[in-house]
C-alpha cells in the first residue's frame, strides 16, 4: 500500500477553487485509488472563512459544534462536530491568512461531488474520496487523522464470523478503514507549511468499492456509543 503526496499551490482564503487545483495538480489516478482531501481546502473552496478581526471565536465554536463539553482548565471547550471530537469545533486559524477557517458544509455531499468529478475525469470504475481532518485522542499527545466524510467505498471491514488462526470465530471485530486511511494521509500531508492538502492511497488491501451511502456503516448513534458515559450529560436535550 502506498500514500502518495500531492503538492499543490496555496489555496487562498477567503475563497478559492479546489477543482482547479485538483485538475492541475493530481497525477493520473488508478483504478482502486482513494483520494484524501484536507477539510481545510474544502472549506476554503466553499468560502467557509471568517475574518479574525471583529470575530468572537467562542461564539463561532458554539455555533459550529453539535455540542460542547466545557473545559475550565483549557482556553476552549471540547467540541463535537461531524461526529468527531475536534479542537475548537474544527475552527482553525493556521494557514488562514487572517481568517478563521471553519469546517466544510454538507460534508458528505461535497465528498460525493469530488468523487463524481474525479471518477468522470479519469474514467474510473472504482474510486474513493475521503475528507480528512486531524484531532487529538484521549491519553495521547499529538494529532492523528480522522475521516469526516467519504464516498465510493465501504468504510468498515467486517470480520465477524471469520475464524482466527486457531479456528475461533470472530464475534465483534471490525476494522475502521476510513479513519485508518485518514491517519496515514495526515502523516504524509503534514500540519504546517508542507502545502500537501491531497494524498492518494493506492493498492489498499481488501477495500470494497460501492456507490451506496455508507455513512451509517461507520458513524455510531450517540445512544449506542460505548463511550457515551464521557459526554452524555452534555448532549443536546430534545
Foldseek 3Di string as FASTA:
>chain_A
DDKAFWFWPQLAPQAGAPVVGCVVTDDQDDAPKEKEFEQQNVLRNVRQKAAPVPDDLQVVLCVQFLWFDDDPVDPHTFGHHLLDGAVSQQFDCASHVRITRHGDPPVQVVQVVVVVVSCVVNVYDAYKYFHKDWHDDPPDPDIFIATSYMFFWAQKADQAQPADPVGDGDHDDIDGNRRVVRRVNCVVCDDHPSNRRMIMDPPDPPIGTDRDGNPVVPRDPLVPDPPNVVPVVTRDDD
